[in-house]
């Protein structure tokens, strides 16, 4: 659901706020300037590494096109 919400905005890194209640989930908001300052690198190092890897890969692909 979060990926679909981000893709609806465009290509890039987005923070998607989800709310789960009574077994259902909905998108609260999509942030185009997400913060990664809440300890994510320590709490979820493999997820954080994948995010950074995707960003670096996108930047390298962009540089190769130019």
N, C-alpha and C. Protein backbone atom coordinates (compact mmCIF):
# COMPACT_ATOMS: atom_id res chain seq x y z
N UNK A 1 0.82 -1.18 0.00
CA UNK A 1 0.00 0.00 0.00
C UNK A 1 0.87 1.25 0.00
N UNK A 2 1.94 1.24 0.80
CA UNK A 2 2.84 2.38 0.86
C UNK A 2 3.56 2.62 -0.46
N UNK A 3 3.99 1.54 -1.09
CA UNK A 3 4.68 1.67 -2.38
C UNK A 3 3.72 2.21 -3.44
N UNK A 4 2.50 1.72 -3.45
CA UNK A 4 1.50 2.20 -4.42
C UNK A 4 1.22 3.69 -4.20
N UNK A 5 1.15 4.12 -2.95
CA UNK A 5 0.91 5.54 -2.66
C UNK A 5 2.07 6.40 -3.15
N UNK A 6 3.30 5.95 -2.91
CA UNK A 6 4.46 6.69 -3.40
C UNK A 6 4.52 6.73 -4.92
N UNK A 7 4.24 5.60 -5.55
CA UNK A 7 4.26 5.54 -7.01
C UNK A 7 3.19 6.44 -7.64
N UNK A 8 2.09 6.67 -6.92
CA UNK A 8 1.05 7.56 -7.44
C UNK A 8 1.55 9.00 -7.53
N UNK A 9 2.54 9.34 -6.71
CA UNK A 9 3.12 10.68 -6.73
C UNK A 9 4.19 10.78 -7.81
N UNK A 10 5.02 9.74 -7.93
CA UNK A 10 6.08 9.74 -8.94
C UNK A 10 7.23 8.87 -8.50
N UNK A 11 8.32 8.96 -9.22
CA UNK A 11 9.53 8.20 -8.90
C UNK A 11 10.33 8.98 -7.86
N UNK A 12 10.75 8.32 -6.81
CA UNK A 12 11.55 8.98 -5.80
C UNK A 12 11.37 8.33 -4.44
N UNK A 13 11.90 8.97 -3.46
CA UNK A 13 11.80 8.49 -2.08
C UNK A 13 10.72 9.30 -1.38
N UNK A 14 9.73 8.61 -0.86
CA UNK A 14 8.63 9.26 -0.16
C UNK A 14 8.43 8.59 1.19
N UNK A 15 8.03 9.37 2.15
CA UNK A 15 7.61 8.82 3.43
C UNK A 15 6.10 8.69 3.39
N UNK A 16 5.61 7.50 3.66
CA UNK A 16 4.17 7.26 3.61
C UNK A 16 3.70 6.92 5.01
N UNK A 17 2.76 7.72 5.51
CA UNK A 17 2.18 7.47 6.82
C UNK A 17 0.94 6.62 6.64
N UNK A 18 0.95 5.47 7.32
CA UNK A 18 -0.17 4.54 7.26
C UNK A 18 -0.83 4.45 8.62
N UNK A 19 -2.12 4.20 8.64
CA UNK A 19 -2.86 4.01 9.89
C UNK A 19 -3.59 2.68 9.79
N UNK A 20 -3.35 1.82 10.77
CA UNK A 20 -4.02 0.52 10.81
C UNK A 20 -4.99 0.49 11.99
N UNK A 21 -6.23 0.19 11.69
CA UNK A 21 -7.25 0.04 12.73
C UNK A 21 -8.23 -1.05 12.34
N UNK A 22 -8.62 -1.82 13.30
CA UNK A 22 -9.63 -2.87 13.09
C UNK A 22 -9.32 -3.76 11.89
N UNK A 23 -8.05 -4.09 11.70
CA UNK A 23 -7.66 -4.97 10.61
C UNK A 23 -7.64 -4.32 9.24
N UNK A 24 -7.84 -3.03 9.19
CA UNK A 24 -7.82 -2.30 7.93
C UNK A 24 -6.68 -1.29 7.96
N UNK A 25 -6.23 -0.87 6.80
CA UNK A 25 -5.11 0.08 6.72
C UNK A 25 -5.45 1.14 5.69
N UNK A 26 -5.04 2.38 5.98
CA UNK A 26 -5.26 3.45 5.01
C UNK A 26 -4.07 4.40 5.03
N UNK A 27 -3.89 5.11 3.93
CA UNK A 27 -2.81 6.09 3.79
C UNK A 27 -3.27 7.39 4.43
N UNK A 28 -2.47 7.92 5.34
CA UNK A 28 -2.76 9.20 5.97
C UNK A 28 -2.16 10.33 5.15
N UNK A 29 -0.89 10.18 4.77
CA UNK A 29 -0.25 11.20 3.92
C UNK A 29 0.99 10.62 3.26
N UNK A 30 1.41 11.28 2.18
CA UNK A 30 2.65 10.95 1.48
C UNK A 30 3.54 12.17 1.57
N UNK A 31 4.73 11.98 2.14
CA UNK A 31 5.67 13.08 2.34
C UNK A 31 6.76 13.04 1.27
N UNK A 32 6.94 14.16 0.57
CA UNK A 32 7.97 14.20 -0.47
C UNK A 32 9.34 14.55 0.09
N UNK A 33 9.42 14.82 1.37
CA UNK A 33 10.70 15.12 2.02
C UNK A 33 10.77 14.34 3.34
N UNK A 34 10.89 13.00 3.22
CA UNK A 34 10.84 12.18 4.42
C UNK A 34 12.09 12.35 5.29
N UNK A 35 11.92 12.14 6.54
CA UNK A 35 13.02 12.22 7.50
C UNK A 35 13.52 10.82 7.83
N UNK A 36 14.80 10.66 7.83
CA UNK A 36 15.42 9.39 8.25
C UNK A 36 16.30 9.66 9.47
N UNK A 37 15.81 10.47 10.37
CA UNK A 37 16.59 10.86 11.53
C UNK A 37 16.10 10.22 12.83
N UNK A 38 15.18 9.29 12.74
CA UNK A 38 14.58 8.71 13.94
C UNK A 38 15.23 7.43 14.41
N UNK A 39 16.47 7.18 14.00
CA UNK A 39 17.16 5.97 14.42
C UNK A 39 16.92 4.77 13.53
N UNK A 40 16.37 5.01 12.33
CA UNK A 40 16.09 3.91 11.42
C UNK A 40 17.34 3.13 11.06
N UNK A 41 18.46 3.84 10.93
CA UNK A 41 19.70 3.16 10.55
C UNK A 41 20.13 2.16 11.61
N UNK A 42 19.83 2.42 12.86
CA UNK A 42 20.18 1.51 13.94
C UNK A 42 19.11 0.45 14.15
N UNK A 43 17.85 0.85 14.11
CA UNK A 43 16.75 -0.08 14.37
C UNK A 43 16.52 -1.05 13.22
N UNK A 44 16.69 -0.59 12.00
CA UNK A 44 16.44 -1.41 10.81
C UNK A 44 17.58 -1.25 9.81
N UNK A 45 18.77 -1.72 10.16
CA UNK A 45 19.94 -1.46 9.30
C UNK A 45 19.81 -2.02 7.90
N UNK A 46 19.18 -3.19 7.72
CA UNK A 46 19.07 -3.75 6.38
C UNK A 46 18.10 -2.95 5.51
N UNK A 47 17.04 -2.44 6.09
CA UNK A 47 16.10 -1.61 5.35
C UNK A 47 16.76 -0.28 4.98
N UNK A 48 17.44 0.31 5.95
CA UNK A 48 18.14 1.58 5.71
C UNK A 48 19.17 1.41 4.60
N UNK A 49 19.93 0.32 4.62
CA UNK A 49 20.94 0.06 3.59
C UNK A 49 20.29 -0.08 2.21
N UNK A 50 19.13 -0.72 2.14
CA UNK A 50 18.43 -0.87 0.86
C UNK A 50 17.96 0.48 0.33
N UNK A 51 17.46 1.34 1.22
CA UNK A 51 17.02 2.67 0.80
C UNK A 51 18.18 3.46 0.24
N UNK A 52 19.29 3.49 0.96
CA UNK A 52 20.48 4.23 0.51
C UNK A 52 21.00 3.63 -0.80
N UNK A 53 21.01 2.30 -0.90
CA UNK A 53 21.45 1.65 -2.13
C UNK A 53 20.60 2.04 -3.33
N UNK A 54 19.29 2.11 -3.13
CA UNK A 54 18.39 2.52 -4.21
C UNK A 54 18.65 3.96 -4.63
N UNK A 55 18.85 4.83 -3.65
CA UNK A 55 19.13 6.23 -3.96
C UNK A 55 20.43 6.38 -4.72
N UNK A 56 21.47 5.69 -4.28
CA UNK A 56 22.76 5.76 -4.97
C UNK A 56 22.67 5.18 -6.37
N UNK A 57 21.95 4.07 -6.52
CA UNK A 57 21.77 3.46 -7.83
C UNK A 57 21.04 4.38 -8.79
N UNK A 58 20.01 5.06 -8.29
CA UNK A 58 19.26 6.00 -9.12
C UNK A 58 20.15 7.15 -9.57
N UNK A 59 20.97 7.64 -8.65
CA UNK A 59 21.87 8.75 -8.97
C UNK A 59 22.91 8.33 -10.00
N UNK A 60 23.42 7.12 -9.86
CA UNK A 60 24.42 6.62 -10.83
C UNK A 60 23.79 6.43 -12.21
N UNK A 61 22.57 5.89 -12.25
CA UNK A 61 21.90 5.72 -13.53
C UNK A 61 21.64 7.07 -14.19
N UNK A 62 21.28 8.06 -13.41
CA UNK A 62 21.03 9.41 -13.94
C UNK A 62 22.33 9.98 -14.50
N UNK A 63 23.44 9.80 -13.78
CA UNK A 63 24.73 10.33 -14.24
C UNK A 63 25.17 9.63 -15.52
N UNK A 64 24.91 8.33 -15.64
CA UNK A 64 25.28 7.61 -16.84
C UNK A 64 24.50 8.09 -18.07
N UNK A 65 23.27 8.54 -17.87
CA UNK A 65 22.45 9.05 -18.98
C UNK A 65 22.92 10.41 -19.45
N UNK A 66 23.47 11.20 -18.54
CA UNK A 66 23.87 12.58 -18.88
C UNK A 66 25.18 12.67 -19.59
